[in-house]
Amino acid sequence: MKRIYYLLPALLSSPVQAQPTASTAPAPSLANAWYIGLGVGNGAEIYGGYHAPHWLAYGRLRGKWWGPDKEPKAHLFGDDVNTSSQQTEVAALLGVPVAAGRSYFYAAAGVAYVSGRQLGEYRYSVRKSGLLSSDATHYYAYRDYQAIGLPLELGWQSAAYADGNARFGLVGQVNLNPQHSVFCLLATVSVRLSPLRRADL
């Protein structure tokens, strides 16, 4: 019994070893990653850029088309170029990401060149008749323009797969320019050009 009394203080004073816990895989890092992607909504874009832990830089080429505000409505993709308004944007942006687990939110701004065509007053209609249906194409006065704009973007990106090599997201874009400012809401998907390595986790 005496030996037990001597052993108890020694056991109580010995350091308790922590039990191993199940390891959880960390979220993929944004460091040193080149991405390229597509966006589709009330416009269409292709974009590509570089993501670092605390900043991101990318460029985009976006197009948007829309019909006249008043009747008669033009065909959105008519035979003639002046049946829809359109704008093409080439932009370079710099932004800041905020991580949220495997997702991140970001805000970005930059500079853009825009080229577009804006419909004016209604001019005339050309009617086409076929065997089963008849249709009409409405033509409008228009003006071409070019301008330097201020692109602003707020977006959300999430990992489509656990390795973070593919992402999907949602983005709102505004281009402020003296000719015709536009807003776009796009669903995006992007892929990492260099596969994620274990060392990046």
C-alpha atoms as a PDB file:
ATOM      1  CA  MET A   1       0.000   0.000   0.000  1.00  0.00           C
ATOM      2  CA  LYS A   2       2.849   2.368   0.832  1.00  0.00           C
ATOM      3  CA  ARG A   3       4.174   2.014  -2.727  1.00  0.00           C
ATOM      4  CA  ILE A   4       0.797   3.115  -4.113  1.00  0.00           C
ATOM      5  CA  TYR A   5       0.844   6.273  -1.971  1.00  0.00           C
ATOM      6  CA  TYR A   6       4.330   7.117  -3.301  1.00  0.00           C
ATOM      7  CA  LEU A   7       3.291   6.503  -6.934  1.00  0.00           C
ATOM      8  CA  LEU A   8       0.106   8.638  -6.877  1.00  0.00           C
ATOM      9  CA  PRO A   9       1.907  12.036  -6.556  1.00  0.00           C
ATOM     10  CA  ALA A  10       4.268  11.062  -9.344  1.00  0.00           C
ATOM     11  CA  LEU A  11       1.382  10.140 -11.675  1.00  0.00           C
ATOM     12  CA  LEU A  12      -0.569  13.306 -10.878  1.00  0.00           C
ATOM     13  CA  SER A  13       2.446  15.523 -11.477  1.00  0.00           C
ATOM     14  CA  SER A  14       3.333  13.948 -14.859  1.00  0.00           C
ATOM     15  CA  PRO A  15       2.371  16.035 -17.912  1.00  0.00           C
ATOM     16  CA  VAL A  16      -0.818  14.990 -19.625  1.00  0.00           C
ATOM     17  CA  GLN A  17      -0.296  14.319 -23.316  1.00  0.00           C
ATOM     18  CA  ALA A  18      -2.870  15.826 -25.665  1.00  0.00           C
ATOM     19  CA  GLN A  19      -4.855  13.309 -27.592  1.00  0.00           C
ATOM     20  CA  PRO A  20      -4.509  13.620 -31.365  1.00  0.00           C
ATOM     21  CA  THR A  21      -7.539  15.179 -33.021  1.00  0.00           C
ATOM     22  CA  ALA A  22      -8.829  14.612 -36.478  1.00  0.00           C
ATOM     23  CA  SER A  23      -7.134  17.012 -38.847  1.00  0.00           C
ATOM     24  CA  THR A  24      -9.301  19.318 -40.874  1.00  0.00           C
ATOM     25  CA  ALA A  25      -8.163  20.334 -44.327  1.00  0.00           C
ATOM     26  CA  PRO A  26      -7.493  24.084 -44.504  1.00  0.00           C
ATOM     27  CA  ALA A  27      -9.160  26.224 -47.106  1.00  0.00           C
ATOM     28  CA  PRO A  28      -7.211  26.665 -50.351  1.00  0.00           C
ATOM     29  CA  SER A  29      -4.929  29.664 -50.391  1.00  0.00           C
ATOM     30  CA  LEU A  30      -5.350  32.546 -52.815  1.00  0.00           C
ATOM     31  CA  ALA A  31      -1.600  33.056 -52.989  1.00  0.00           C
ATOM     32  CA  ASN A  32       0.228  33.163 -56.302  1.00  0.00           C
ATOM     33  CA  ALA A  33      -2.581  31.871 -58.511  1.00  0.00           C
ATOM     34  CA  TRP A  34      -3.363  32.694 -62.136  1.00  0.00           C
ATOM     35  CA  TYR A  35      -7.038  32.305 -63.114  1.00  0.00           C
ATOM     36  CA  ILE A  36      -9.064  32.566 -66.302  1.00  0.00           C
ATOM     37  CA  GLY A  37     -12.846  32.508 -66.503  1.00  0.00           C
ATOM     38  CA  LEU A  38     -16.154  33.300 -68.170  1.00  0.00           C
ATOM     39  CA  GLY A  39     -19.186  35.273 -67.043  1.00  0.00           C
ATOM     40  CA  VAL A  40     -22.748  35.207 -68.405  1.00  0.00           C
ATOM     41  CA  GLY A  41     -25.827  37.233 -67.432  1.00  0.00           C
ATOM     42  CA  ASN A  42     -27.232  40.427 -68.910  1.00  0.00           C
ATOM     43  CA  GLY A  43     -23.912  40.563 -70.728  1.00  0.00           C
ATOM     44  CA  ALA A  44     -21.008  38.210 -71.452  1.00  0.00           C
ATOM     45  CA  GLU A  45     -17.339  38.427 -70.512  1.00  0.00           C
ATOM     46  CA  ILE A  46     -14.007  36.649 -70.522  1.00  0.00           C
ATOM     47  CA  TYR A  47     -11.501  37.562 -67.833  1.00  0.00           C
ATOM     48  CA  GLY A  48      -8.169  36.531 -66.415  1.00  0.00           C
ATOM     49  CA  GLY A  49      -5.913  37.662 -63.616  1.00  0.00           C
ATOM     50  CA  TYR A  50      -3.592  37.011 -60.696  1.00  0.00           C
ATOM     51  CA  HIS A  51      -4.641  36.376 -57.088  1.00  0.00           C
ATOM     52  CA  ALA A  52      -2.330  37.099 -54.163  1.00  0.00           C
ATOM     53  CA  PRO A  53      -3.189  36.726 -50.449  1.00  0.00           C
ATOM     54  CA  HIS A  54      -4.177  40.379 -49.987  1.00  0.00           C
ATOM     55  CA  TRP A  55      -4.779  41.721 -53.501  1.00  0.00           C
ATOM     56  CA  LEU A  56      -5.863  40.669 -56.959  1.00  0.00           C
ATOM     57  CA  ALA A  57      -5.391  42.136 -60.436  1.00  0.00           C
ATOM     58  CA  TYR A  58      -7.193  41.127 -63.603  1.00  0.00           C
ATOM     59  CA  GLY A  59      -8.435  42.243 -66.988  1.00  0.00           C
ATOM     60  CA  ARG A  60     -11.773  41.613 -68.673  1.00  0.00           C
ATOM     61  CA  LEU A  61     -13.404  41.873 -72.069  1.00  0.00           C
ATOM     62  CA  ARG A  62     -17.170  42.330 -71.762  1.00  0.00           C
ATOM     63  CA  GLY A  63     -19.997  42.860 -74.212  1.00  0.00           C
ATOM     64  CA  LYS A  64     -23.581  43.926 -73.538  1.00  0.00           C
ATOM     65  CA  TRP A  65     -26.581  44.318 -75.887  1.00  0.00           C
ATOM     66  CA  TRP A  66     -30.029  45.730 -75.246  1.00  0.00           C
ATOM     67  CA  GLY A  67     -33.077  46.799 -77.246  1.00  0.00           C
ATOM     68  CA  PRO A  68     -34.830  50.206 -77.372  1.00  0.00           C
ATOM     69  CA  ASP A  69     -36.776  51.512 -74.389  1.00  0.00           C
ATOM     70  CA  LYS A  70     -39.893  52.323 -76.448  1.00  0.00           C
ATOM     71  CA  GLU A  71     -42.040  50.431 -78.922  1.00  0.00           C
ATOM     72  CA  PRO A  72     -41.706  49.015 -81.454  1.00  0.00           C
ATOM     73  CA  LYS A  73     -39.108  46.683 -80.019  1.00  0.00           C
ATOM     74  CA  ALA A  74     -36.191  45.818 -82.240  1.00  0.00           C
ATOM     75  CA  HIS A  75     -34.891  42.293 -82.609  1.00  0.00           C
ATOM     76  CA  LEU A  76     -32.017  41.908 -80.205  1.00  0.00           C
ATOM     77  CA  PHE A  77     -29.884  40.145 -82.810  1.00  0.00           C
ATOM     78  CA  GLY A  78     -31.301  41.587 -86.024  1.00  0.00           C
ATOM     79  CA  ASP A  79     -29.673  41.588 -89.429  1.00  0.00           C
ATOM     80  CA  ASP A  80     -28.740  45.242 -89.200  1.00  0.00           C
ATOM     81  CA  VAL A  81     -26.379  46.673 -86.593  1.00  0.00           C
ATOM     82  CA  ASN A  82     -28.713  49.509 -85.620  1.00  0.00           C
ATOM     83  CA  THR A  83     -31.501  47.250 -84.305  1.00  0.00           C
ATOM     84  CA  SER A  84     -29.904  47.039 -80.822  1.00  0.00           C
ATOM     85  CA  SER A  85     -27.761  49.142 -78.543  1.00  0.00           C
ATOM     86  CA  GLN A  86     -24.428  47.610 -77.617  1.00  0.00           C
ATOM     87  CA  GLN A  87     -21.300  48.301 -75.640  1.00  0.00           C
ATOM     88  CA  THR A  88     -17.901  46.595 -75.562  1.00  0.00           C
ATOM     89  CA  GLU A  89     -15.581  47.153 -72.613  1.00  0.00           C
ATOM     90  CA  VAL A  90     -11.871  46.421 -72.167  1.00  0.00           C
ATOM     91  CA  ALA A  91     -10.905  46.963 -68.536  1.00  0.00           C
ATOM     92  CA  ALA A  92      -8.018  46.505 -66.098  1.00  0.00           C
ATOM     93  CA  LEU A  93      -8.871  46.313 -62.384  1.00  0.00           C
ATOM     94  CA  LEU A  94      -7.139  46.043 -59.021  1.00  0.00           C
ATOM     95  CA  GLY A  95      -9.010  44.711 -56.005  1.00  0.00           C
ATOM     96  CA  VAL A  96      -8.939  43.448 -52.439  1.00  0.00           C
ATOM     97  CA  PRO A  97     -10.282  39.978 -51.418  1.00  0.00           C
ATOM     98  CA  VAL A  98     -11.759  39.119 -48.022  1.00  0.00           C
ATOM     99  CA  ALA A  99     -11.618  35.388 -47.235  1.00  0.00           C
ATOM    100  CA  ALA A 100     -14.619  33.578 -45.762  1.00  0.00           C
ATOM    101  CA  GLY A 101     -13.742  29.886 -45.447  1.00  0.00           C
ATOM    102  CA  ARG A 102     -13.396  28.396 -48.909  1.00  0.00           C
ATOM    103  CA  SER A 103     -15.133  31.437 -50.384  1.00  0.00           C
ATOM    104  CA  TYR A 104     -14.091  35.051 -50.625  1.00  0.00           C
ATOM    105  CA  PHE A 105     -15.673  38.394 -51.340  1.00  0.00           C
ATOM    106  CA  TYR A 106     -13.859  41.125 -53.228  1.00  0.00           C
ATOM    107  CA  ALA A 107     -14.151  44.709 -54.397  1.00  0.00           C
ATOM    108  CA  ALA A 108     -12.222  46.118 -57.355  1.00  0.00           C
ATOM    109  CA  ALA A 109     -11.888  49.270 -59.426  1.00  0.00           C
ATOM    110  CA  GLY A 110      -9.782  50.331 -62.403  1.00  0.00           C
ATOM    111  CA  VAL A 111      -9.862  51.975 -65.802  1.00  0.00           C
ATOM    112  CA  ALA A 112     -11.662  50.917 -68.989  1.00  0.00           C
ATOM    113  CA  TYR A 113     -12.036  51.735 -72.649  1.00  0.00           C
ATOM    114  CA  VAL A 114     -15.594  51.414 -73.965  1.00  0.00           C
ATOM    115  CA  SER A 115     -16.894  51.416 -77.518  1.00  0.00           C
ATOM    116  CA  GLY A 116     -20.597  51.294 -78.251  1.00  0.00           C
ATOM    117  CA  ARG A 117     -23.659  52.093 -80.300  1.00  0.00           C
ATOM    118  CA  GLN A 118     -26.728  53.781 -78.834  1.00  0.00           C
ATOM    119  CA  LEU A 119     -30.129  53.629 -80.532  1.00  0.00           C
ATOM    120  CA  GLY A 120     -32.015  56.860 -81.182  1.00  0.00           C
ATOM    121  CA  GLU A 121     -35.465  57.537 -82.666  1.00  0.00           C
ATOM    122  CA  TYR A 122     -37.470  54.915 -84.531  1.00  0.00           C
ATOM    123  CA  ARG A 123     -37.154  55.231 -88.333  1.00  0.00           C
ATOM    124  CA  TYR A 124     -38.965  52.432 -90.189  1.00  0.00           C
ATOM    125  CA  SER A 125     -39.813  48.721 -90.243  1.00  0.00           C
ATOM    126  CA  VAL A 126     -39.163  45.998 -92.774  1.00  0.00           C
ATOM    127  CA  ARG A 127     -41.653  43.131 -92.751  1.00  0.00           C
ATOM    128  CA  LYS A 128     -40.691  39.611 -93.784  1.00  0.00           C
ATOM    129  CA  SER A 129     -43.230  36.884 -94.604  1.00  0.00           C
ATOM    130  CA  GLY A 130     -42.540  33.182 -94.655  1.00  0.00           C
ATOM    131  CA  LEU A 131     -44.539  30.049 -95.244  1.00  0.00           C
ATOM    132  CA  LEU A 132     -45.480  29.649 -91.580  1.00  0.00           C
ATOM    133  CA  SER A 133     -45.002  33.096 -90.065  1.00  0.00           C
ATOM    134  CA  SER A 134     -44.310  36.739 -90.714  1.00  0.00           C
ATOM    135  CA  ASP A 135     -41.936  39.003 -88.850  1.00  0.00           C
ATOM    136  CA  ALA A 136     -40.711  42.609 -88.845  1.00  0.00           C
ATOM    137  CA  THR A 137     -37.353  44.216 -88.165  1.00  0.00           C
ATOM    138  CA  HIS A 138     -37.482  47.747 -86.781  1.00  0.00           C
ATOM    139  CA  TYR A 139     -34.721  50.243 -87.565  1.00  0.00           C
ATOM    140  CA  TYR A 140     -33.611  53.206 -85.510  1.00  0.00           C
ATOM    141  CA  ALA A 141     -31.317  56.171 -85.781  1.00  0.00           C
ATOM    142  CA  TYR A 142     -28.129  55.529 -83.832  1.00  0.00           C
ATOM    143  CA  ARG A 143     -24.821  57.029 -82.821  1.00  0.00           C
ATOM    144  CA  ASP A 144     -21.436  55.393 -82.253  1.00  0.00           C
ATOM    145  CA  TYR A 145     -19.297  56.440 -79.312  1.00  0.00           C
ATOM    146  CA  GLN A 146     -16.013  55.769 -77.541  1.00  0.00           C
ATOM    147  CA  ALA A 147     -15.043  56.765 -74.022  1.00  0.00           C
ATOM    148  CA  ILE A 148     -12.788  56.141 -71.046  1.00  0.00           C
ATOM    149  CA  GLY A 149     -14.745  54.768 -68.106  1.00  0.00           C
ATOM    150  CA  LEU A 150     -14.457  53.861 -64.447  1.00  0.00           C
ATOM    151  CA  PRO A 151     -15.228  50.131 -63.896  1.00  0.00           C
ATOM    152  CA  LEU A 152     -16.356  49.068 -60.418  1.00  0.00           C
ATOM    153  CA  GLU A 153     -16.962  45.469 -59.371  1.00  0.00           C
ATOM    154  CA  LEU A 154     -18.265  43.629 -56.308  1.00  0.00           C
ATOM    155  CA  GLY A 155     -18.115  39.852 -56.382  1.00  0.00           C
ATOM    156  CA  TRP A 156     -18.239  36.553 -54.548  1.00  0.00           C
ATOM    157  CA  GLN A 157     -16.236  33.457 -55.449  1.00  0.00           C
ATOM    158  CA  SER A 158     -16.490  29.971 -53.972  1.00  0.00           C
ATOM    159  CA  ALA A 159     -14.529  26.771 -54.543  1.00  0.00           C
ATOM    160  CA  ALA A 160     -16.441  24.407 -56.810  1.00  0.00           C
ATOM    161  CA  TYR A 161     -14.191  21.537 -55.668  1.00  0.00           C
ATOM    162  CA  ALA A 162     -12.207  20.929 -52.495  1.00  0.00           C
ATOM    163  CA  ASP A 163      -8.862  21.561 -54.184  1.00  0.00           C
ATOM    164  CA  GLY A 164      -9.858  25.117 -55.163  1.00  0.00           C
ATOM    165  CA  ASN A 165      -8.738  24.702 -58.780  1.00  0.00           C
ATOM    166  CA  ALA A 166     -12.223  25.595 -60.081  1.00  0.00           C
ATOM    167  CA  ARG A 167     -14.464  28.339 -58.740  1.00  0.00           C
ATOM    168  CA  PHE A 168     -17.927  29.671 -59.391  1.00  0.00           C
ATOM    169  CA  GLY A 169     -19.355  33.005 -58.318  1.00  0.00           C
ATOM    170  CA  LEU A 170     -21.631  35.982 -58.775  1.00  0.00           C
ATOM    171  CA  VAL A 171     -20.509  39.487 -59.696  1.00  0.00           C
ATOM    172  CA  GLY A 172     -22.072  42.906 -60.098  1.00  0.00           C
ATOM    173  CA  GLN A 173     -20.332  45.340 -62.453  1.00  0.00           C
ATOM    174  CA  VAL A 174     -20.792  49.034 -63.148  1.00  0.00           C
ATOM    175  CA  ASN A 175     -19.020  51.040 -65.833  1.00  0.00           C
ATOM    176  CA  LEU A 176     -19.325  54.788 -65.260  1.00  0.00           C
ATOM    177  CA  ASN A 177     -18.532  56.822 -68.375  1.00  0.00           C
ATOM    178  CA  PRO A 178     -19.737  60.101 -69.930  1.00  0.00           C
ATOM    179  CA  GLN A 179     -21.409  58.363 -72.901  1.00  0.00           C
ATOM    180  CA  HIS A 180     -23.542  55.528 -71.521  1.00  0.00           C
ATOM    181  CA  SER A 181     -23.024  53.923 -68.100  1.00  0.00           C
ATOM    182  CA  VAL A 182     -24.109  50.281 -67.793  1.00  0.00           C
ATOM    183  CA  PHE A 183     -24.720  47.707 -65.049  1.00  0.00           C
ATOM    184  CA  CYS A 184     -24.197  43.943 -65.408  1.00  0.00           C
ATOM    185  CA  LEU A 185     -25.003  41.023 -63.124  1.00  0.00           C
ATOM    186  CA  LEU A 186     -23.124  37.876 -64.146  1.00  0.00           C
ATOM    187  CA  ALA A 187     -22.669  34.293 -62.999  1.00  0.00           C
ATOM    188  CA  THR A 188     -19.011  33.320 -63.362  1.00  0.00           C
ATOM    189  CA  VAL A 189     -16.859  30.210 -63.491  1.00  0.00           C
ATOM    190  CA  SER A 190     -13.067  30.215 -63.425  1.00  0.00           C
ATOM    191  CA  VAL A 191     -10.209  27.714 -63.376  1.00  0.00           C
ATOM    192  CA  ARG A 192      -6.736  27.942 -61.971  1.00  0.00           C
ATOM    193  CA  LEU A 193      -4.115  27.724 -64.707  1.00  0.00           C
ATOM    194  CA  SER A 194      -1.515  26.040 -62.468  1.00  0.00           C
ATOM    195  CA  PRO A 195      -2.973  23.171 -60.358  1.00  0.00           C
ATOM    196  CA  LEU A 196      -3.046  23.714 -56.609  1.00  0.00           C
ATOM    197  CA  ARG A 197      -0.118  22.036 -54.865  1.00  0.00           C
ATOM    198  CA  ARG A 198      -0.089  20.607 -51.368  1.00  0.00           C
ATOM    199  CA  ALA A 199       2.408  23.288 -50.338  1.00  0.00           C
ATOM    200  CA  ASP A 200      -0.148  25.986 -51.195  1.00  0.00           C
ATOM    201  CA  LEU A 201      -2.641  24.683 -48.609  1.00  0.00           C
END
